[in-house]
Amino acid sequence: AAIWDMRAQIIHPKTRFGVLLDLLRDPVG
Protein backbone atom coordinates (compact mmCIF):
# COMPACT_ATOMS: atom_id res chain seq x y z
CA ALA A 1 0.00 0.00 0.00
CA ALA A 2 2.83 2.41 0.84
CA ILE A 3 4.61 1.82 -2.48
CA TRP A 4 1.40 2.16 -4.50
CA ASP A 5 0.47 5.35 -2.63
CA MET A 6 3.78 6.84 -3.77
CA ARG A 7 2.40 6.91 -7.32
CA ALA A 8 0.24 9.87 -6.35
CA GLN A 9 2.84 11.50 -4.09
CA ILE A 10 5.73 11.32 -6.50
CA ILE A 11 4.10 13.69 -8.94
CA HIS A 12 4.47 16.54 -6.42
CA PRO A 13 7.73 18.49 -6.90
CA LYS A 14 8.75 18.63 -3.21
CA THR A 15 8.73 14.88 -2.63
CA ARG A 16 12.24 13.38 -2.56
CA PHE A 17 12.86 10.28 -4.66
CA GLY A 18 14.70 8.84 -1.67
CA VAL A 19 11.36 8.44 0.11
CA LEU A 20 10.38 5.84 -2.47
CA LEU A 21 13.81 4.18 -2.39
CA ASP A 22 13.48 3.76 1.38
CA LEU A 23 10.43 1.56 0.75
CA LEU A 24 12.29 -0.67 -1.69
CA ARG A 25 15.54 -1.58 0.05
CA ASP A 26 14.49 -4.12 2.66
CA PRO A 27 14.30 -7.81 1.69
CA VAL A 28 10.91 -9.23 0.78
CA GLY A 29 9.11 -10.46 3.89
mmCIF file of all heavy atoms, coordinates in Angstrom:
data_MODEL
# 
_entry.id   MODEL 
# 
loop_
_atom_site.group_PDB 
_atom_site.id 
_atom_site.type_symbol 
_atom_site.label_atom_id 
_atom_site.label_alt_id 
_atom_site.label_comp_id 
_atom_site.label_asym_id 
_atom_site.label_entity_id 
_atom_site.label_seq_id 
_atom_site.pdbx_PDB_ins_code 
_atom_site.Cartn_x 
_atom_site.Cartn_y 
_atom_site.Cartn_z 
_atom_site.occupancy 
_atom_site.B_iso_or_equiv 
_atom_site.pdbx_formal_charge 
_atom_site.auth_seq_id 
_atom_site.auth_comp_id 
_atom_site.auth_asym_id 
_atom_site.auth_atom_id 
_atom_site.pdbx_PDB_model_num 
ATOM 1   N N   . ALA A 1 1  ? 0.832  -1.209  0.000   1.00 0.00 ? 1  ALA A N   1 
ATOM 2   C CA  . ALA A 1 1  ? 0.000  0.000   0.000   1.00 0.00 ? 1  ALA A CA  1 
ATOM 3   C C   . ALA A 1 1  ? 0.861  1.253   0.000   1.00 0.00 ? 1  ALA A C   1 
ATOM 4   O O   . ALA A 1 1  ? 0.560  2.232   -0.698  1.00 0.00 ? 1  ALA A O   1 
ATOM 5   C CB  . ALA A 1 1  ? -0.934 -0.017  1.209   1.00 0.00 ? 1  ALA A CB  1 
ATOM 6   N N   . ALA A 1 2  ? 1.958  1.234   0.765   1.00 0.00 ? 2  ALA A N   1 
ATOM 7   C CA  . ALA A 1 2  ? 2.829  2.407   0.837   1.00 0.00 ? 2  ALA A CA  1 
ATOM 8   C C   . ALA A 1 2  ? 3.501  2.686   -0.497  1.00 0.00 ? 2  ALA A C   1 
ATOM 9   O O   . ALA A 1 2  ? 3.615  3.847   -0.929  1.00 0.00 ? 2  ALA A O   1 
ATOM 10  C CB  . ALA A 1 2  ? 3.870  2.205   1.935   1.00 0.00 ? 2  ALA A CB  1 
ATOM 11  N N   . ILE A 1 3  ? 3.963  1.633   -1.174  1.00 0.00 ? 3  ILE A N   1 
ATOM 12  C CA  . ILE A 1 3  ? 4.610  1.816   -2.484  1.00 0.00 ? 3  ILE A CA  1 
ATOM 13  C C   . ILE A 1 3  ? 3.599  2.311   -3.499  1.00 0.00 ? 3  ILE A C   1 
ATOM 14  O O   . ILE A 1 3  ? 3.880  3.246   -4.266  1.00 0.00 ? 3  ILE A O   1 
ATOM 15  C CB  . ILE A 1 3  ? 5.269  0.503   -2.946  1.00 0.00 ? 3  ILE A CB  1 
ATOM 16  C CG1 . ILE A 1 3  ? 6.420  0.125   -2.007  1.00 0.00 ? 3  ILE A CG1 1 
ATOM 17  C CG2 . ILE A 1 3  ? 5.780  0.636   -4.384  1.00 0.00 ? 3  ILE A CG2 1 
ATOM 18  C CD1 . ILE A 1 3  ? 6.977  -1.270  -2.248  1.00 0.00 ? 3  ILE A CD1 1 
ATOM 19  N N   . TRP A 1 4  ? 2.408  1.704   -3.534  1.00 0.00 ? 4  TRP A N   1 
ATOM 20  C CA  . TRP A 1 4  ? 1.400  2.156   -4.501  1.00 0.00 ? 4  TRP A CA  1 
ATOM 21  C C   . TRP A 1 4  ? 0.995  3.599   -4.232  1.00 0.00 ? 4  TRP A C   1 
ATOM 22  O O   . TRP A 1 4  ? 0.838  4.392   -5.168  1.00 0.00 ? 4  TRP A O   1 
ATOM 23  C CB  . TRP A 1 4  ? 0.165  1.250   -4.486  1.00 0.00 ? 4  TRP A CB  1 
ATOM 24  C CG  . TRP A 1 4  ? -0.883 1.775   -5.422  1.00 0.00 ? 4  TRP A CG  1 
ATOM 25  C CD1 . TRP A 1 4  ? -1.989 2.507   -5.107  1.00 0.00 ? 4  TRP A CD1 1 
ATOM 26  C CD2 . TRP A 1 4  ? -0.870 1.671   -6.850  1.00 0.00 ? 4  TRP A CD2 1 
ATOM 27  N NE1 . TRP A 1 4  ? -2.672 2.866   -6.246  1.00 0.00 ? 4  TRP A NE1 1 
ATOM 28  C CE2 . TRP A 1 4  ? -2.014 2.359   -7.319  1.00 0.00 ? 4  TRP A CE2 1 
ATOM 29  C CE3 . TRP A 1 4  ? -0.009 1.067   -7.762  1.00 0.00 ? 4  TRP A CE3 1 
ATOM 30  C CZ2 . TRP A 1 4  ? -2.313 2.449   -8.685  1.00 0.00 ? 4  TRP A CZ2 1 
ATOM 31  C CZ3 . TRP A 1 4  ? -0.308 1.161   -9.124  1.00 0.00 ? 4  TRP A CZ3 1 
ATOM 32  C CH2 . TRP A 1 4  ? -1.447 1.844   -9.566  1.00 0.00 ? 4  TRP A CH2 1 
ATOM 33  N N   . ASP A 1 5  ? 0.860  3.979   -2.962  1.00 0.00 ? 5  ASP A N   1 
ATOM 34  C CA  . ASP A 1 5  ? 0.468  5.349   -2.632  1.00 0.00 ? 5  ASP A CA  1 
ATOM 35  C C   . ASP A 1 5  ? 1.499  6.364   -3.119  1.00 0.00 ? 5  ASP A C   1 
ATOM 36  O O   . ASP A 1 5  ? 1.161  7.530   -3.370  1.00 0.00 ? 5  ASP A O   1 
ATOM 37  C CB  . ASP A 1 5  ? 0.281  5.497   -1.120  1.00 0.00 ? 5  ASP A CB  1 
ATOM 38  C CG  . ASP A 1 5  ? -0.990 4.829   -0.627  1.00 0.00 ? 5  ASP A CG  1 
ATOM 39  O OD1 . ASP A 1 5  ? -1.844 4.475   -1.461  1.00 0.00 ? 5  ASP A OD1 1 
ATOM 40  O OD2 . ASP A 1 5  ? -1.116 4.651   0.609   1.00 0.00 ? 5  ASP A OD2 1 
ATOM 41  N N   . MET A 1 6  ? 2.749  5.937   -3.272  1.00 0.00 ? 6  MET A N   1 
ATOM 42  C CA  . MET A 1 6  ? 3.780  6.840   -3.772  1.00 0.00 ? 6  MET A CA  1 
ATOM 43  C C   . MET A 1 6  ? 3.507  7.279   -5.199  1.00 0.00 ? 6  MET A C   1 
ATOM 44  O O   . MET A 1 6  ? 4.002  8.320   -5.633  1.00 0.00 ? 6  MET A O   1 
ATOM 45  C CB  . MET A 1 6  ? 5.157  6.164   -3.696  1.00 0.00 ? 6  MET A CB  1 
ATOM 46  C CG  . MET A 1 6  ? 5.752  6.137   -2.295  1.00 0.00 ? 6  MET A CG  1 
ATOM 47  S SD  . MET A 1 6  ? 6.087  7.788   -1.634  1.00 0.00 ? 6  MET A SD  1 
ATOM 48  C CE  . MET A 1 6  ? 7.304  8.394   -2.807  1.00 0.00 ? 6  MET A CE  1 
ATOM 49  N N   . ARG A 1 7  ? 2.707  6.507   -5.952  1.00 0.00 ? 7  ARG A N   1 
ATOM 50  C CA  . ARG A 1 7  ? 2.399  6.910   -7.318  1.00 0.00 ? 7  ARG A CA  1 
ATOM 51  C C   . ARG A 1 7  ? 1.765  8.298   -7.353  1.00 0.00 ? 7  ARG A C   1 
ATOM 52  O O   . ARG A 1 7  ? 2.076  9.116   -8.220  1.00 0.00 ? 7  ARG A O   1 
ATOM 53  C CB  . ARG A 1 7  ? 1.470  5.895   -7.982  1.00 0.00 ? 7  ARG A CB  1 
ATOM 54  C CG  . ARG A 1 7  ? 1.241  6.204   -9.450  1.00 0.00 ? 7  ARG A CG  1 
ATOM 55  C CD  . ARG A 1 7  ? -0.077 5.680   -9.983  1.00 0.00 ? 7  ARG A CD  1 
ATOM 56  N NE  . ARG A 1 7  ? -0.416 6.441   -11.176 1.00 0.00 ? 7  ARG A NE  1 
ATOM 57  C CZ  . ARG A 1 7  ? -1.104 7.569   -11.169 1.00 0.00 ? 7  ARG A CZ  1 
ATOM 58  N NH1 . ARG A 1 7  ? -1.547 8.074   -10.034 1.00 0.00 ? 7  ARG A NH1 1 
ATOM 59  N NH2 . ARG A 1 7  ? -1.348 8.198   -12.295 1.00 0.00 ? 7  ARG A NH2 1 
ATOM 60  N N   . ALA A 1 8  ? 0.878  8.559   -6.419  1.00 0.00 ? 8  ALA A N   1 
ATOM 61  C CA  . ALA A 1 8  ? 0.240  9.871   -6.352  1.00 0.00 ? 8  ALA A CA  1 
ATOM 62  C C   . ALA A 1 8  ? 1.185  10.912  -5.761  1.00 0.00 ? 8  ALA A C   1 
ATOM 63  O O   . ALA A 1 8  ? 1.244  12.051  -6.240  1.00 0.00 ? 8  ALA A O   1 
ATOM 64  C CB  . ALA A 1 8  ? -1.036 9.787   -5.522  1.00 0.00 ? 8  ALA A CB  1 
ATOM 65  N N   . GLN A 1 9  ? 1.962  10.536  -4.741  1.00 0.00 ? 9  GLN A N   1 
ATOM 66  C CA  . GLN A 1 9  ? 2.843  11.498  -4.086  1.00 0.00 ? 9  GLN A CA  1 
ATOM 67  C C   . GLN A 1 9  ? 4.008  11.937  -4.957  1.00 0.00 ? 9  GLN A C   1 
ATOM 68  O O   . GLN A 1 9  ? 4.432  13.092  -4.888  1.00 0.00 ? 9  GLN A O   1 
ATOM 69  C CB  . GLN A 1 9  ? 3.400  10.900  -2.794  1.00 0.00 ? 9  GLN A CB  1 
ATOM 70  C CG  . GLN A 1 9  ? 2.365  10.610  -1.719  1.00 0.00 ? 9  GLN A CG  1 
ATOM 71  C CD  . GLN A 1 9  ? 3.014  10.063  -0.467  1.00 0.00 ? 9  GLN A CD  1 
ATOM 72  O OE1 . GLN A 1 9  ? 4.058  10.550  -0.029  1.00 0.00 ? 9  GLN A OE1 1 
ATOM 73  N NE2 . GLN A 1 9  ? 2.422  9.022   0.097   1.00 0.00 ? 9  GLN A NE2 1 
ATOM 74  N N   . ILE A 1 10 ? 4.499  11.015  -5.777  1.00 0.00 ? 10 ILE A N   1 
ATOM 75  C CA  . ILE A 1 10 ? 5.734  11.321  -6.496  1.00 0.00 ? 10 ILE A CA  1 
ATOM 76  C C   . ILE A 1 10 ? 5.554  12.371  -7.575  1.00 0.00 ? 10 ILE A C   1 
ATOM 77  O O   . ILE A 1 10 ? 6.538  12.922  -8.064  1.00 0.00 ? 10 ILE A O   1 
ATOM 78  C CB  . ILE A 1 10 ? 6.350  10.046  -7.119  1.00 0.00 ? 10 ILE A CB  1 
ATOM 79  C CG1 . ILE A 1 10 ? 5.381  9.384   -8.076  1.00 0.00 ? 10 ILE A CG1 1 
ATOM 80  C CG2 . ILE A 1 10 ? 6.791  9.082   -6.068  1.00 0.00 ? 10 ILE A CG2 1 
ATOM 81  C CD1 . ILE A 1 10 ? 5.895  8.098   -8.667  1.00 0.00 ? 10 ILE A CD1 1 
ATOM 82  N N   . ILE A 1 11 ? 4.322  12.659  -7.930  1.00 0.00 ? 11 ILE A N   1 
ATOM 83  C CA  . ILE A 1 11 ? 4.100  13.694  -8.940  1.00 0.00 ? 11 ILE A CA  1 
ATOM 84  C C   . ILE A 1 11 ? 4.371  15.087  -8.365  1.00 0.00 ? 11 ILE A C   1 
ATOM 85  O O   . ILE A 1 11 ? 4.702  16.014  -9.085  1.00 0.00 ? 11 ILE A O   1 
ATOM 86  C CB  . ILE A 1 11 ? 2.664  13.588  -9.499  1.00 0.00 ? 11 ILE A CB  1 
ATOM 87  C CG1 . ILE A 1 11 ? 2.501  12.252  -10.225 1.00 0.00 ? 11 ILE A CG1 1 
ATOM 88  C CG2 . ILE A 1 11 ? 2.332  14.727  -10.434 1.00 0.00 ? 11 ILE A CG2 1 
ATOM 89  C CD1 . ILE A 1 11 ? 1.093  11.956  -10.664 1.00 0.00 ? 11 ILE A CD1 1 
ATOM 90  N N   . HIS A 1 12 ? 4.287  15.229  -7.044  1.00 0.00 ? 12 HIS A N   1 
ATOM 91  C CA  . HIS A 1 12 ? 4.472  16.535  -6.421  1.00 0.00 ? 12 HIS A CA  1 
ATOM 92  C C   . HIS A 1 12 ? 5.954  16.894  -6.357  1.00 0.00 ? 12 HIS A C   1 
ATOM 93  O O   . HIS A 1 12 ? 6.794  16.081  -5.964  1.00 0.00 ? 12 HIS A O   1 
ATOM 94  C CB  . HIS A 1 12 ? 3.847  16.547  -5.032  1.00 0.00 ? 12 HIS A CB  1 
ATOM 95  C CG  . HIS A 1 12 ? 2.382  16.251  -5.051  1.00 0.00 ? 12 HIS A CG  1 
ATOM 96  N ND1 . HIS A 1 12 ? 1.481  17.040  -5.719  1.00 0.00 ? 12 HIS A ND1 1 
ATOM 97  C CD2 . HIS A 1 12 ? 1.658  15.242  -4.506  1.00 0.00 ? 12 HIS A CD2 1 
ATOM 98  C CE1 . HIS A 1 12 ? 0.260  16.539  -5.575  1.00 0.00 ? 12 HIS A CE1 1 
ATOM 99  N NE2 . HIS A 1 12 ? 0.346  15.438  -4.865  1.00 0.00 ? 12 HIS A NE2 1 
ATOM 100 N N   . PRO A 1 13 ? 6.310  18.127  -6.728  1.00 0.00 ? 13 PRO A N   1 
ATOM 101 C CA  . PRO A 1 13 ? 7.729  18.489  -6.903  1.00 0.00 ? 13 PRO A CA  1 
ATOM 102 C C   . PRO A 1 13 ? 8.557  18.458  -5.627  1.00 0.00 ? 13 PRO A C   1 
ATOM 103 O O   . PRO A 1 13 ? 9.780  18.325  -5.701  1.00 0.00 ? 13 PRO A O   1 
ATOM 104 C CB  . PRO A 1 13 ? 7.662  19.909  -7.480  1.00 0.00 ? 13 PRO A CB  1 
ATOM 105 C CG  . PRO A 1 13 ? 6.298  20.419  -7.141  1.00 0.00 ? 13 PRO A CG  1 
ATOM 106 C CD  . PRO A 1 13 ? 5.413  19.222  -7.115  1.00 0.00 ? 13 PRO A CD  1 
ATOM 107 N N   . LYS A 1 14 ? 7.957  18.559  -4.439  1.00 0.00 ? 14 LYS A N   1 
ATOM 108 C CA  . LYS A 1 14 ? 8.746  18.633  -3.214  1.00 0.00 ? 14 LYS A CA  1 
ATOM 109 C C   . LYS A 1 14 ? 9.057  17.267  -2.612  1.00 0.00 ? 14 LYS A C   1 
ATOM 110 O O   . LYS A 1 14 ? 9.839  17.166  -1.666  1.00 0.00 ? 14 LYS A O   1 
ATOM 111 C CB  . LYS A 1 14 ? 8.023  19.501  -2.182  1.00 0.00 ? 14 LYS A CB  1 
ATOM 112 C CG  . LYS A 1 14 ? 7.949  20.974  -2.584  1.00 0.00 ? 14 LYS A CG  1 
ATOM 113 C CD  . LYS A 1 14 ? 7.335  21.821  -1.487  1.00 0.00 ? 14 LYS A CD  1 
ATOM 114 C CE  . LYS A 1 14 ? 7.312  23.292  -1.888  1.00 0.00 ? 14 LYS A CE  1 
ATOM 115 N NZ  . LYS A 1 14 ? 6.710  24.152  -0.826  1.00 0.00 ? 14 LYS A NZ  1 
ATOM 116 N N   . THR A 1 15 ? 8.472  16.224  -3.150  1.00 0.00 ? 15 THR A N   1 
ATOM 117 C CA  . THR A 1 15 ? 8.733  14.880  -2.631  1.00 0.00 ? 15 THR A CA  1 
ATOM 118 C C   . THR A 1 15 ? 10.100 14.392  -3.108  1.00 0.00 ? 15 THR A C   1 
ATOM 119 O O   . THR A 1 15 ? 10.409 14.446  -4.296  1.00 0.00 ? 15 THR A O   1 
ATOM 120 C CB  . THR A 1 15 ? 7.653  13.894  -3.103  1.00 0.00 ? 15 THR A CB  1 
ATOM 121 O OG1 . THR A 1 15 ? 6.372  14.390  -2.738  1.00 0.00 ? 15 THR A OG1 1 
ATOM 122 C CG2 . THR A 1 15 ? 7.862  12.522  -2.481  1.00 0.00 ? 15 THR A CG2 1 
ATOM 123 N N   . ARG A 1 16 ? 10.935 13.912  -2.186  1.00 0.00 ? 16 ARG A N   1 
ATOM 124 C CA  . ARG A 1 16 ? 12.240 13.377  -2.560  1.00 0.00 ? 16 ARG A CA  1 
ATOM 125 C C   . ARG A 1 16 ? 12.100 11.959  -3.092  1.00 0.00 ? 16 ARG A C   1 
ATOM 126 O O   . ARG A 1 16 ? 11.328 11.154  -2.562  1.00 0.00 ? 16 ARG A O   1 
ATOM 127 C CB  . ARG A 1 16 ? 13.204 13.375  -1.373  1.00 0.00 ? 16 ARG A CB  1 
ATOM 128 C CG  . ARG A 1 16 ? 13.736 14.715  -0.943  1.00 0.00 ? 16 ARG A CG  1 
ATOM 129 C CD  . ARG A 1 16 ? 14.833 14.549  0.108   1.00 0.00 ? 16 ARG A CD  1 
ATOM 130 N NE  . ARG A 1 16 ? 14.448 13.655  1.188   1.00 0.00 ? 16 ARG A NE  1 
ATOM 131 C CZ  . ARG A 1 16 ? 14.900 12.406  1.335   1.00 0.00 ? 16 ARG A CZ  1 
ATOM 132 N NH1 . ARG A 1 16 ? 15.747 11.886  0.459   1.00 0.00 ? 16 ARG A NH1 1 
ATOM 133 N NH2 . ARG A 1 16 ? 14.503 11.664  2.367   1.00 0.00 ? 16 ARG A NH2 1 
ATOM 134 N N   . PHE A 1 17 ? 12.878 11.629  -4.112  1.00 0.00 ? 17 PHE A N   1 
ATOM 135 C CA  . PHE A 1 17 ? 12.860 10.281  -4.660  1.00 0.00 ? 17 PHE A CA  1 
ATOM 136 C C   . PHE A 1 17 ? 13.336 9.270   -3.623  1.00 0.00 ? 17 PHE A C   1 
ATOM 137 O O   . PHE A 1 17 ? 12.915 8.112   -3.618  1.00 0.00 ? 17 PHE A O   1 
ATOM 138 C CB  . PHE A 1 17 ? 13.729 10.214  -5.927  1.00 0.00 ? 17 PHE A CB  1 
ATOM 139 C CG  . PHE A 1 17 ? 13.569 8.938   -6.692  1.00 0.00 ? 17 PHE A CG  1 
ATOM 140 C CD1 . PHE A 1 17 ? 12.404 8.672   -7.395  1.00 0.00 ? 17 PHE A CD1 1 
ATOM 141 C CD2 . PHE A 1 17 ? 14.575 7.984   -6.717  1.00 0.00 ? 17 PHE A CD2 1 
ATOM 142 C CE1 . PHE A 1 17 ? 12.242 7.490   -8.106  1.00 0.00 ? 17 PHE A CE1 1 
ATOM 143 C CE2 . PHE A 1 17 ? 14.433 6.800   -7.430  1.00 0.00 ? 17 PHE A CE2 1 
ATOM 144 C CZ  . PHE A 1 17 ? 13.260 6.561   -8.127  1.00 0.00 ? 17 PHE A CZ  1 
ATOM 145 N N   . GLY A 1 18 ? 14.194 9.718   -2.713  1.00 0.00 ? 18 GLY A N   1 
ATOM 146 C CA  . GLY A 1 18 ? 14.698 8.841   -1.674  1.00 0.00 ? 18 GLY A CA  1 
ATOM 147 C C   . GLY A 1 18 ? 13.612 8.265   -0.780  1.00 0.00 ? 18 GLY A C   1 
ATOM 148 O O   . GLY A 1 18 ? 13.791 7.203   -0.180  1.00 0.00 ? 18 GLY A O   1 
ATOM 149 N N   . VAL A 1 19 ? 12.470 8.955   -0.684  1.00 0.00 ? 19 VAL A N   1 
ATOM 150 C CA  . VAL A 1 19 ? 11.360 8.445   0.113   1.00 0.00 ? 19 VAL A CA  1 
ATOM 151 C C   . VAL A 1 19 ? 10.857 7.127   -0.486  1.00 0.00 ? 19 VAL A C   1 
ATOM 152 O O   . VAL A 1 19 ? 10.547 6.174   0.236   1.00 0.00 ? 19 VAL A O   1 
ATOM 153 C CB  . VAL A 1 19 ? 10.219 9.484   0.190   1.00 0.00 ? 19 VAL A CB  1 
ATOM 154 C CG1 . VAL A 1 19 ? 9.004  8.906   0.919   1.00 0.00 ? 19 VAL A CG1 1 
ATOM 155 C CG2 . VAL A 1 19 ? 10.708 10.754  0.884   1.00 0.00 ? 19 VAL A CG2 1 
ATOM 156 N N   . LEU A 1 20 ? 10.771 7.082   -1.806  1.00 0.00 ? 20 LEU A N   1 
ATOM 157 C CA  . LEU A 1 20 ? 10.384 5.841   -2.473  1.00 0.00 ? 20 LEU A CA  1 
ATOM 158 C C   . LEU A 1 20 ? 11.464 4.777   -2.316  1.00 0.00 ? 20 LEU A C   1 
ATOM 159 O O   . LEU A 1 20 ? 11.177 3.614   -1.999  1.00 0.00 ? 20 LEU A O   1 
ATOM 160 C CB  . LEU A 1 20 ? 10.099 6.095   -3.949  1.00 0.00 ? 20 LEU A CB  1 
ATOM 161 C CG  . LEU A 1 20 ? 9.801  4.862   -4.806  1.00 0.00 ? 20 LEU A CG  1 
ATOM 162 C CD1 . LEU A 1 20 ? 8.571  4.115   -4.279  1.00 0.00 ? 20 LEU A CD1 1 
ATOM 163 C CD2 . LEU A 1 20 ? 9.603  5.242   -6.267  1.00 0.00 ? 20 LEU A CD2 1 
ATOM 164 N N   . LEU A 1 21 ? 12.725 5.162   -2.506  1.00 0.00 ? 21 LEU A N   1 
ATOM 165 C CA  . LEU A 1 21 ? 13.812 4.184   -2.387  1.00 0.00 ? 21 LEU A CA  1 
ATOM 166 C C   . LEU A 1 21 ? 13.834 3.539   -1.005  1.00 0.00 ? 21 LEU A C   1 
ATOM 167 O O   . LEU A 1 21 ? 14.144 2.351   -0.870  1.00 0.00 ? 21 LEU A O   1 
ATOM 168 C CB  . LEU A 1 21 ? 15.163 4.856   -2.677  1.00 0.00 ? 21 LEU A CB  1 
ATOM 169 C CG  . LEU A 1 21 ? 15.434 5.275   -4.123  1.00 0.00 ? 21 LEU A CG  1 
ATOM 170 C CD1 . LEU A 1 21 ? 16.803 5.935   -4.223  1.00 0.00 ? 21 LEU A CD1 1 
ATOM 171 C CD2 . LEU A 1 21 ? 15.346 4.088   -5.066  1.00 0.00 ? 21 LEU A CD2 1 
ATOM 172 N N   . ASP A 1 22 ? 13.490 4.311   0.024   1.00 0.00 ? 22 ASP A N   1 
ATOM 173 C CA  . ASP A 1 22 ? 13.480 3.756   1.380   1.00 0.00 ? 22 ASP A CA  1 
ATOM 174 C C   . ASP A 1 22 ? 12.480 2.614   1.530   1.00 0.00 ? 22 ASP A C   1 
ATOM 175 O O   . ASP A 1 22 ? 12.658 1.734   2.385   1.00 0.00 ? 22 ASP A O   1 
ATOM 176 C CB  . ASP A 1 22 ? 13.139 4.857   2.391   1.00 0.00 ? 22 ASP A CB  1 
ATOM 177 C CG  . ASP A 1 22 ? 14.292 5.843   2.585   1.00 0.00 ? 22 ASP A CG  1 
ATOM 178 O OD1 . ASP A 1 22 ? 15.430 5.508   2.206   1.00 0.00 ? 22 ASP A OD1 1 
ATOM 179 O OD2 . ASP A 1 22 ? 14.034 6.948   3.100   1.00 0.00 ? 22 ASP A OD2 1 
ATOM 180 N N   . LEU A 1 23 ? 11.436 2.621   0.698   1.00 0.00 ? 23 LEU A N   1 
ATOM 181 C CA  . LEU A 1 23 ? 10.428 1.564   0.752   1.00 0.00 ? 23 LEU A CA  1 
ATOM 182 C C   . LEU A 1 23 ? 10.837 0.307   -0.005  1.00 0.00 ? 23 LEU A C   1 
ATOM 183 O O   . LEU A 1 23 ? 10.195 -0.731  0.100   1.00 0.00 ? 23 LEU A O   1 
ATOM 184 C CB  . LEU A 1 23 ? 9.104  2.067   0.170   1.00 0.00 ? 23 LEU A CB  1 
ATOM 185 C CG  . LEU A 1 23 ? 8.397  3.176   0.938   1.00 0.00 ? 23 LEU A CG  1 
ATOM 186 C CD1 . LEU A 1 23 ? 7.236  3.725   0.095   1.00 0.00 ? 23 LEU A CD1 1 
ATOM 187 C CD2 . LEU A 1 23 ? 7.887  2.663   2.273   1.00 0.00 ? 23 LEU A CD2 1 
ATOM 188 N N   . LEU A 1 24 ? 11.922 0.407   -0.768  1.00 0.00 ? 24 LEU A N   1 
ATOM 189 C CA  . LEU A 1 24 ? 12.289 -0.666  -1.689  1.00 0.00 ? 24 LEU A CA  1 
ATOM 190 C C   . LEU A 1 24 ? 13.502 -1.468  -1.249  1.00 0.00 ? 24 LEU A C   1 
ATOM 191 O O   . LEU A 1 24 ? 13.763 -2.539  -1.800  1.00 0.00 ? 24 LEU A O   1 
ATOM 192 C CB  . LEU A 1 24 ? 12.588 -0.072  -3.077  1.00 0.00 ? 24 LEU A CB  1 
ATOM 193 C CG  . LEU A 1 24 ? 11.500 0.817   -3.691  1.00 0.00 ? 24 LEU A CG  1 
ATOM 194 C CD1 . LEU A 1 24 ? 11.998 1.422   -5.001  1.00 0.00 ? 24 LEU A CD1 1 
ATOM 195 C CD2 . LEU A 1 24 ? 10.216 0.032   -3.917  1.00 0.00 ? 24 LEU A CD2 1 
ATOM 196 N N   . ARG A 1 25 ? 14.244 -0.976  -0.257  1.00 0.00 ? 25 ARG A N   1 
ATOM 197 C CA  . ARG A 1 25 ? 15.543 -1.581  0.053   1.00 0.00 ? 25 ARG A CA  1 
ATOM 198 C C   . ARG A 1 25 ? 15.442 -2.880  0.830   1.00 0.00 ? 25 ARG A C   1 
ATOM 199 O O   . ARG A 1 25 ? 16.209 -3.815  0.610   1.00 0.00 ? 25 ARG A O   1 
ATOM 200 C CB  . ARG A 1 25 ? 16.415 -0.571  0.828   1.00 0.00 ? 25 ARG A CB  1 
ATOM 201 C CG  . ARG A 1 25 ? 16.841 0.628   -0.007  1.00 0.00 ? 25 ARG A CG  1 
ATOM 202 C CD  . ARG A 1 25 ? 17.914 1.437   0.746   1.00 0.00 ? 25 ARG A CD  1 
ATOM 203 N NE  . ARG A 1 25 ? 18.402 2.528   -0.069  1.00 0.00 ? 25 ARG A NE  1 
ATOM 204 C CZ  . ARG A 1 25 ? 17.989 3.783   0.029   1.00 0.00 ? 25 ARG A CZ  1 
ATOM 205 N NH1 . ARG A 1 25 ? 17.052 4.094   0.919   1.00 0.00 ? 25 ARG A NH1 1 
ATOM 206 N NH2 . ARG A 1 25 ? 18.474 4.732   -0.748  1.00 0.00 ? 25 ARG A NH2 1 
ATOM 207 N N   . ASP A 1 26 ? 14.532 -2.964  1.781   1.00 0.00 ? 26 ASP A N   1 
ATOM 208 C CA  . ASP A 1 26 ? 14.490 -4.123  2.660   1.00 0.00 ? 26 ASP A CA  1 
ATOM 209 C C   . ASP A 1 26 ? 14.140 -5.394  1.890   1.00 0.00 ? 26 ASP A C   1 
ATOM 210 O O   . ASP A 1 26 ? 13.382 -5.347  0.912   1.00 0.00 ? 26 ASP A O   1 
ATOM 211 C CB  . ASP A 1 26 ? 13.467 -3.916  3.772   1.00 0.00 ? 26 ASP A CB  1 
ATOM 212 C CG  . ASP A 1 26 ? 13.936 -2.914  4.804   1.00 0.00 ? 26 ASP A CG  1 
ATOM 213 O OD1 . ASP A 1 26 ? 15.158 -2.691  4.894   1.00 0.00 ? 26 ASP A OD1 1 
ATOM 214 O OD2 . ASP A 1 26 ? 13.088 -2.351  5.514   1.00 0.00 ? 26 ASP A OD2 1 
ATOM 215 N N   . PRO A 1 27 ? 14.650 -6.544  2.335   1.00 0.00 ? 27 PRO A N   1 
ATOM 216 C CA  . PRO A 1 27 ? 14.300 -7.811  1.685   1.00 0.00 ? 27 PRO A CA  1 
ATOM 217 C C   . PRO A 1 27 ? 12.807 -8.064  1.733   1.00 0.00 ? 27 PRO A C   1 
ATOM 218 O O   . PRO A 1 27 ? 12.101 -7.571  2.619   1.00 0.00 ? 27 PRO A O   1 
ATOM 219 C CB  . PRO A 1 27 ? 15.064 -8.862  2.499   1.00 0.00 ? 27 PRO A CB  1 
ATOM 220 C CG  . PRO A 1 27 ? 16.166 -8.101  3.173   1.00 0.00 ? 27 PRO A CG  1 
ATOM 221 C CD  . PRO A 1 27 ? 15.624 -6.727  3.413   1.00 0.00 ? 27 PRO A CD  1 
ATOM 222 N N   . VAL A 1 28 ? 12.312 -8.825  0.799   1.00 0.00 ? 28 VAL A N   1 
ATOM 223 C CA  . VAL A 1 28 ? 10.914 -9.233  0.784   1.00 0.00 ? 28 VAL A CA  1 
ATOM 224 C C   . VAL A 1 28 ? 10.642 -10.030 2.052   1.00 0.00 ? 28 VAL A C   1 
ATOM 225 O O   . VAL A 1 28 ? 11.450 -10.837 2.497   1.00 0.00 ? 28 VAL A O   1 
ATOM 226 C CB  . VAL A 1 28 ? 10.604 -10.077 -0.468  1.00 0.00 ? 28 VAL A CB  1 
ATOM 227 C CG1 . VAL A 1 28 ? 9.246  -10.741 -0.343  1.00 0.00 ? 28 VAL A CG1 1 
ATOM 228 C CG2 . VAL A 1 28 ? 10.648 -9.208  -1.705  1.00 0.00 ? 28 VAL A CG2 1 
ATOM 229 N N   . GLY A 1 29 ? 9.468  -9.779  2.658   1.00 0.00 ? 29 GLY A N   1 
ATOM 230 C CA  . GLY A 1 29 ? 9.113  -10.457 3.885   1.00 0.00 ? 29 GLY A CA  1 
ATOM 231 C C   . GLY A 1 29 ? 9.248  -9.560  5.098   1.00 0.00 ? 29 GLY A C   1 
ATOM 232 O O   . GLY A 1 29 ? 8.715  -9.856  6.164   1.00 0.00 ? 29 GLY A O   1 
# 
